[in-house]
Amino acid sequence: MELKVKSGSRTQLIDITSDVQASLREAGVRDGLCMIYVPHTTAAVTINENADPTVKADILKILNQVIPFEANYGHMEGNSAAHIKSTLVGASELVAVRNGKLQLGTWQGIFFCEFDGPRRRKVHLHFI
């Protein structure tokens, strides 16, 4: 299955948890694994707290401080920072599924990580 994600800013964490859960329901998977894969070199996926929106802001703030947009990079496209952030955060996550539900912790959510937006993106979901 494939989700479509539209980011609205250069860097952004977008909660896709409900979309992944809806796709899981649609696929009829009861027990197994859900792999979430981002096929982009300047985006990523992560699992983190989704109860307090300041966590997303803090993550982006520190990533942008540690990996600034301008740092005399050699890559001609001007988006080296996005490539580095994508590499550090990662392109996939694996979540257990039991009784048709993602087995996330109480405060956890699944986030699409945009590092070179705004753009239209894809997220691939594979159920095992």
N, C-alpha and C. Protein backbone atom coordinates (compact mmCIF):
# COMPACT_ATOMS: atom_id res chain seq x y z
N MET A 1 0.85 -1.18 0.00
CA MET A 1 0.00 0.00 0.00
C MET A 1 0.88 1.23 0.00
N GLU A 2 0.28 2.33 -0.38
CA GLU A 2 1.05 3.57 -0.46
C GLU A 2 0.24 4.72 0.12
N LEU A 3 0.88 5.50 0.97
CA LEU A 3 0.28 6.72 1.49
C LEU A 3 0.86 7.90 0.73
N LYS A 4 0.07 8.92 0.55
CA LYS A 4 0.53 10.18 -0.03
C LYS A 4 0.65 11.18 1.11
N VAL A 5 1.77 11.90 1.13
CA VAL A 5 2.02 12.90 2.17
C VAL A 5 2.40 14.20 1.49
N LYS A 6 1.81 15.29 1.96
CA LYS A 6 2.14 16.62 1.43
C LYS A 6 2.67 17.46 2.58
N SER A 7 3.92 17.87 2.44
CA SER A 7 4.52 18.72 3.47
C SER A 7 4.29 20.18 3.12
N GLY A 8 4.31 21.03 4.15
CA GLY A 8 4.05 22.44 3.93
C GLY A 8 5.21 23.36 4.23
N SER A 9 6.33 22.78 4.71
CA SER A 9 7.49 23.61 5.01
C SER A 9 8.78 22.84 4.74
N ARG A 10 9.89 23.53 4.86
CA ARG A 10 11.19 22.93 4.53
C ARG A 10 11.48 21.71 5.39
N THR A 11 11.28 21.84 6.70
CA THR A 11 11.39 20.69 7.60
C THR A 11 10.10 20.57 8.38
N GLN A 12 9.65 19.34 8.55
CA GLN A 12 8.36 19.13 9.18
C GLN A 12 8.25 17.67 9.61
N LEU A 13 7.66 17.42 10.77
CA LEU A 13 7.30 16.08 11.20
C LEU A 13 5.79 15.97 11.10
N ILE A 14 5.31 15.03 10.29
CA ILE A 14 3.89 14.87 10.02
C ILE A 14 3.42 13.55 10.62
N ASP A 15 2.46 13.61 11.53
CA ASP A 15 1.93 12.41 12.18
C ASP A 15 1.10 11.62 11.17
N ILE A 16 1.56 10.41 10.84
CA ILE A 16 0.85 9.55 9.89
C ILE A 16 0.28 8.31 10.58
N THR A 17 0.26 8.29 11.90
CA THR A 17 -0.17 7.11 12.65
C THR A 17 -1.57 6.67 12.25
N SER A 18 -2.53 7.57 12.20
CA SER A 18 -3.91 7.19 11.88
C SER A 18 -4.02 6.69 10.44
N ASP A 19 -3.23 7.25 9.53
CA ASP A 19 -3.24 6.78 8.14
C ASP A 19 -2.69 5.36 8.03
N VAL A 20 -1.63 5.09 8.79
CA VAL A 20 -1.05 3.74 8.78
C VAL A 20 -2.05 2.75 9.38
N GLN A 21 -2.68 3.13 10.50
CA GLN A 21 -3.67 2.25 11.13
C GLN A 21 -4.86 2.00 10.20
N ALA A 22 -5.31 3.02 9.49
CA ALA A 22 -6.43 2.85 8.55
C ALA A 22 -6.04 1.91 7.41
N SER A 23 -4.82 2.02 6.92
CA SER A 23 -4.35 1.12 5.86
C SER A 23 -4.26 -0.31 6.36
N LEU A 24 -3.85 -0.47 7.60
CA LEU A 24 -3.78 -1.79 8.23
C LEU A 24 -5.17 -2.42 8.29
N ARG A 25 -6.15 -1.62 8.71
CA ARG A 25 -7.55 -2.10 8.75
C ARG A 25 -8.04 -2.49 7.37
N GLU A 26 -7.74 -1.62 6.39
CA GLU A 26 -8.15 -1.87 5.00
C GLU A 26 -7.54 -3.16 4.45
N ALA A 27 -6.30 -3.44 4.84
CA ALA A 27 -5.62 -4.64 4.37
C ALA A 27 -6.11 -5.89 5.09
N GLY A 28 -6.80 -5.72 6.21
CA GLY A 28 -7.35 -6.85 6.94
C GLY A 28 -6.31 -7.64 7.73
N VAL A 29 -5.20 -7.01 8.03
CA VAL A 29 -4.14 -7.71 8.78
C VAL A 29 -4.51 -7.74 10.25
N ARG A 30 -4.45 -8.92 10.85
CA ARG A 30 -4.78 -9.07 12.26
C ARG A 30 -3.53 -9.16 13.14
N ASP A 31 -2.57 -9.95 12.70
CA ASP A 31 -1.34 -10.15 13.47
C ASP A 31 -0.16 -10.22 12.51
N GLY A 32 0.95 -9.64 12.91
CA GLY A 32 2.13 -9.67 12.06
C GLY A 32 2.99 -8.45 12.26
N LEU A 33 3.48 -7.92 11.14
CA LEU A 33 4.37 -6.76 11.17
C LEU A 33 3.94 -5.75 10.12
N CYS A 34 4.18 -4.50 10.42
CA CYS A 34 3.94 -3.42 9.47
C CYS A 34 5.27 -2.73 9.23
N MET A 35 5.74 -2.76 7.99
CA MET A 35 6.95 -2.03 7.65
C MET A 35 6.54 -0.73 6.98
N ILE A 36 7.08 0.37 7.48
CA ILE A 36 6.84 1.69 6.92
C ILE A 36 8.13 2.12 6.26
N TYR A 37 8.09 2.39 4.96
CA TYR A 37 9.30 2.71 4.20
C TYR A 37 9.12 4.00 3.41
N VAL A 38 10.10 4.88 3.51
CA VAL A 38 10.09 6.16 2.80
C VAL A 38 11.11 6.09 1.67
N PRO A 39 10.65 6.12 0.40
CA PRO A 39 11.55 5.96 -0.74
C PRO A 39 12.13 7.29 -1.25
N HIS A 40 12.57 8.13 -0.32
CA HIS A 40 13.12 9.44 -0.69
C HIS A 40 14.44 9.65 0.05
N THR A 41 15.40 10.27 -0.61
CA THR A 41 16.72 10.48 0.01
C THR A 41 16.80 11.74 0.85
N THR A 42 15.73 12.52 0.89
CA THR A 42 15.72 13.72 1.71
C THR A 42 14.53 13.74 2.67
N ALA A 43 14.03 12.56 3.00
CA ALA A 43 12.93 12.41 3.95
C ALA A 43 13.20 11.15 4.77
N ALA A 44 12.42 10.93 5.81
CA ALA A 44 12.63 9.78 6.69
C ALA A 44 11.33 9.45 7.42
N VAL A 45 11.41 8.46 8.28
CA VAL A 45 10.28 8.09 9.14
C VAL A 45 10.84 7.77 10.52
N THR A 46 10.07 8.15 11.54
CA THR A 46 10.50 7.86 12.91
C THR A 46 9.28 7.62 13.79
N ILE A 47 9.53 7.01 14.93
CA ILE A 47 8.50 6.81 15.95
C ILE A 47 8.94 7.60 17.17
N ASN A 48 8.01 8.44 17.67
CA ASN A 48 8.34 9.23 18.84
C ASN A 48 7.05 9.69 19.50
N GLU A 49 7.16 10.53 20.52
CA GLU A 49 5.99 10.98 21.25
C GLU A 49 5.07 11.82 20.37
N ASN A 50 3.77 11.53 20.45
CA ASN A 50 2.80 12.32 19.69
C ASN A 50 1.78 13.01 20.59
N ALA A 51 2.02 13.02 21.90
CA ALA A 51 1.08 13.66 22.82
C ALA A 51 1.36 15.16 22.95
N ASP A 52 2.61 15.54 22.93
CA ASP A 52 3.00 16.94 23.11
C ASP A 52 3.65 17.45 21.83
N PRO A 53 3.02 18.40 21.13
CA PRO A 53 3.55 18.88 19.85
C PRO A 53 4.90 19.57 19.96
N THR A 54 5.29 19.97 21.16
CA THR A 54 6.59 20.62 21.30
C THR A 54 7.73 19.63 21.09
N VAL A 55 7.47 18.34 21.23
CA VAL A 55 8.51 17.33 20.97
C VAL A 55 8.92 17.39 19.51
N LYS A 56 7.95 17.46 18.60
CA LYS A 56 8.27 17.57 17.17
C LYS A 56 9.10 18.82 16.90
N ALA A 57 8.70 19.92 17.48
CA ALA A 57 9.42 21.18 17.28
C ALA A 57 10.84 21.09 17.83
N ASP A 58 10.99 20.46 18.99
CA ASP A 58 12.32 20.30 19.59
C ASP A 58 13.23 19.42 18.73
N ILE A 59 12.68 18.34 18.19
CA ILE A 59 13.47 17.44 17.33
C ILE A 59 13.98 18.21 16.12
N LEU A 60 13.08 18.93 15.45
CA LEU A 60 13.49 19.70 14.27
C LEU A 60 14.48 20.81 14.63
N LYS A 61 14.25 21.47 15.75
CA LYS A 61 15.15 22.54 16.18
C LYS A 61 16.58 22.02 16.34
N ILE A 62 16.73 20.90 17.02
CA ILE A 62 18.08 20.37 17.26
C ILE A 62 18.68 19.80 15.99
N LEU A 63 17.89 19.07 15.18
CA LEU A 63 18.42 18.58 13.90
C LEU A 63 18.92 19.72 13.03
N ASN A 64 18.16 20.82 13.00
CA ASN A 64 18.55 21.97 12.18
C ASN A 64 19.77 22.69 12.75
N GLN A 65 19.95 22.64 14.07
CA GLN A 65 21.15 23.24 14.67
C GLN A 65 22.38 22.38 14.41
N VAL A 66 22.24 21.08 14.60
CA VAL A 66 23.37 20.16 14.43
C VAL A 66 23.75 20.02 12.96
N ILE A 67 22.75 20.02 12.09
CA ILE A 67 22.97 19.87 10.65
C ILE A 67 22.34 21.09 9.96
N PRO A 68 23.08 22.20 9.90
CA PRO A 68 22.52 23.43 9.33
C PRO A 68 22.32 23.34 7.82
N PHE A 69 21.42 24.16 7.31
CA PHE A 69 21.15 24.17 5.87
C PHE A 69 22.37 24.66 5.08
N GLU A 70 23.08 25.61 5.64
CA GLU A 70 24.26 26.17 4.97
C GLU A 70 25.50 25.80 5.76
N ALA A 71 26.39 25.02 5.14
CA ALA A 71 27.62 24.62 5.83
C ALA A 71 28.73 24.32 4.83
N ASN A 72 28.73 25.03 3.72
CA ASN A 72 29.76 24.83 2.70
C ASN A 72 29.80 23.39 2.19
N TYR A 73 28.61 22.82 1.97
CA TYR A 73 28.51 21.46 1.44
C TYR A 73 28.95 21.42 -0.02
N GLY A 74 29.39 20.28 -0.48
CA GLY A 74 29.82 20.12 -1.86
C GLY A 74 28.69 19.77 -2.82
N HIS A 75 27.60 19.20 -2.34
CA HIS A 75 26.49 18.77 -3.18
C HIS A 75 25.86 19.97 -3.89
N MET A 76 25.78 19.90 -5.19
CA MET A 76 25.36 21.05 -6.02
C MET A 76 23.89 21.44 -5.85
N GLU A 77 23.02 20.51 -5.47
CA GLU A 77 21.58 20.81 -5.38
C GLU A 77 21.23 21.71 -4.20
N GLY A 78 22.13 21.83 -3.24
CA GLY A 78 21.85 22.68 -2.10
C GLY A 78 21.01 22.05 -1.02
N ASN A 79 20.87 20.73 -1.05
CA ASN A 79 20.05 20.06 -0.03
C ASN A 79 20.82 18.98 0.73
N SER A 80 22.13 19.17 0.87
CA SER A 80 22.94 18.18 1.60
C SER A 80 22.46 17.97 3.02
N ALA A 81 22.05 19.04 3.69
CA ALA A 81 21.55 18.90 5.06
C ALA A 81 20.39 17.91 5.11
N ALA A 82 19.50 17.96 4.12
CA ALA A 82 18.35 17.05 4.08
C ALA A 82 18.80 15.61 3.89
N HIS A 83 19.80 15.38 3.05
CA HIS A 83 20.33 14.03 2.85
C HIS A 83 20.93 13.48 4.14
N ILE A 84 21.66 14.31 4.86
CA ILE A 84 22.30 13.88 6.11
C ILE A 84 21.24 13.56 7.17
N LYS A 85 20.24 14.43 7.31
CA LYS A 85 19.16 14.19 8.27
C LYS A 85 18.42 12.89 7.95
N SER A 86 18.15 12.67 6.67
CA SER A 86 17.48 11.44 6.25
C SER A 86 18.28 10.20 6.63
N THR A 87 19.58 10.27 6.41
CA THR A 87 20.45 9.15 6.75
C THR A 87 20.45 8.88 8.25
N LEU A 88 20.51 9.93 9.05
CA LEU A 88 20.56 9.75 10.50
C LEU A 88 19.24 9.25 11.09
N VAL A 89 18.12 9.75 10.59
CA VAL A 89 16.82 9.34 11.11
C VAL A 89 16.42 7.97 10.57
N GLY A 90 16.59 7.74 9.27
CA GLY A 90 16.33 6.43 8.70
C GLY A 90 15.11 6.38 7.80
N ALA A 91 15.14 5.45 6.87
CA ALA A 91 14.11 5.33 5.84
C ALA A 91 12.98 4.37 6.19
N SER A 92 13.10 3.62 7.29
CA SER A 92 12.05 2.65 7.60
C SER A 92 11.88 2.43 9.09
N GLU A 93 10.70 1.92 9.43
CA GLU A 93 10.36 1.50 10.79
C GLU A 93 9.57 0.21 10.68
N LEU A 94 9.66 -0.62 11.70
CA LEU A 94 8.94 -1.89 11.75
C LEU A 94 8.13 -1.91 13.03
N VAL A 95 6.81 -2.12 12.90
CA VAL A 95 5.91 -2.09 14.05
C VAL A 95 5.14 -3.40 14.12
N ALA A 96 5.08 -3.99 15.30
CA ALA A 96 4.30 -5.20 15.51
C ALA A 96 2.80 -4.87 15.40
N VAL A 97 2.04 -5.85 14.90
CA VAL A 97 0.59 -5.73 14.78
C VAL A 97 -0.04 -6.87 15.55
N ARG A 98 -1.00 -6.55 16.42
CA ARG A 98 -1.72 -7.59 17.17
C ARG A 98 -3.19 -7.22 17.23
N ASN A 99 -4.04 -8.18 16.91
CA ASN A 99 -5.49 -7.96 16.90
C ASN A 99 -5.89 -6.76 16.04
N GLY A 100 -5.17 -6.59 14.91
CA GLY A 100 -5.50 -5.54 13.96
C GLY A 100 -5.04 -4.14 14.36
N LYS A 101 -4.21 -4.05 15.41
CA LYS A 101 -3.77 -2.73 15.88
C LYS A 101 -2.25 -2.66 15.94
N LEU A 102 -1.74 -1.47 15.57
CA LEU A 102 -0.32 -1.21 15.71
C LEU A 102 0.04 -1.26 17.19
N GLN A 103 1.11 -1.94 17.52
CA GLN A 103 1.52 -2.08 18.91
C GLN A 103 2.49 -0.98 19.30
N LEU A 104 1.99 0.23 19.26
CA LEU A 104 2.77 1.39 19.67
C LEU A 104 2.59 1.64 21.16
N GLY A 105 3.57 2.28 21.77
CA GLY A 105 3.45 2.66 23.16
C GLY A 105 2.39 3.73 23.34
N THR A 106 1.99 3.95 24.58
CA THR A 106 0.92 4.89 24.91
C THR A 106 1.10 6.25 24.26
N TRP A 107 2.32 6.77 24.26
CA TRP A 107 2.56 8.12 23.77
C TRP A 107 3.18 8.15 22.38
N GLN A 108 3.37 6.98 21.77
CA GLN A 108 4.08 6.93 20.49
C GLN A 108 3.19 7.20 19.29
N GLY A 109 3.80 7.82 18.28
CA GLY A 109 3.18 8.03 16.99
C GLY A 109 4.22 7.80 15.90
N ILE A 110 3.74 7.63 14.68
CA ILE A 110 4.62 7.43 13.52
C ILE A 110 4.66 8.76 12.77
N PHE A 111 5.87 9.23 12.50
CA PHE A 111 6.03 10.53 11.86
C PHE A 111 6.80 10.43 10.55
N PHE A 112 6.22 11.01 9.51
CA PHE A 112 6.94 11.24 8.27
C PHE A 112 7.79 12.48 8.51
N CYS A 113 9.08 12.39 8.18
CA CYS A 113 10.02 13.48 8.43
C CYS A 113 10.41 14.14 7.11
N GLU A 114 9.96 15.33 6.92
CA GLU A 114 10.31 16.11 5.72
C GLU A 114 11.54 16.95 6.03
N PHE A 115 12.56 16.84 5.19
CA PHE A 115 13.78 17.61 5.38
C PHE A 115 14.13 18.48 4.17
N ASP A 116 13.30 18.44 3.12
CA ASP A 116 13.58 19.21 1.90
C ASP A 116 12.28 19.64 1.23
N GLY A 117 11.39 20.18 2.03
CA GLY A 117 10.08 20.53 1.50
C GLY A 117 9.97 21.99 1.14
N PRO A 118 8.73 22.39 0.86
CA PRO A 118 7.53 21.55 0.81
C PRO A 118 7.49 20.69 -0.45
N ARG A 119 6.93 19.50 -0.31
CA ARG A 119 6.85 18.53 -1.42
C ARG A 119 5.66 17.61 -1.24
N ARG A 120 5.39 16.88 -2.32
CA ARG A 120 4.45 15.76 -2.27
C ARG A 120 5.31 14.50 -2.21
N ARG A 121 5.00 13.62 -1.26
CA ARG A 121 5.84 12.45 -1.00
C ARG A 121 5.00 11.18 -0.94
N LYS A 122 5.71 10.05 -0.90
CA LYS A 122 5.07 8.74 -0.77
C LYS A 122 5.63 8.03 0.45
N VAL A 123 4.81 7.19 1.04
CA VAL A 123 5.23 6.27 2.10
C VAL A 123 4.69 4.91 1.72
N HIS A 124 5.57 3.92 1.63
CA HIS A 124 5.16 2.56 1.31
C HIS A 124 4.90 1.79 2.61
N LEU A 125 3.80 1.05 2.62
CA LEU A 125 3.44 0.19 3.74
C LEU A 125 3.43 -1.25 3.26
N HIS A 126 4.11 -2.11 3.99
CA HIS A 126 4.13 -3.54 3.68
C HIS A 126 3.73 -4.29 4.94
N PHE A 127 2.75 -5.18 4.79
CA PHE A 127 2.24 -5.95 5.93
C PHE A 127 2.70 -7.40 5.78
N ILE A 128 3.29 -7.91 6.84
CA ILE A 128 3.81 -9.28 6.83
C ILE A 128 3.03 -10.10 7.85
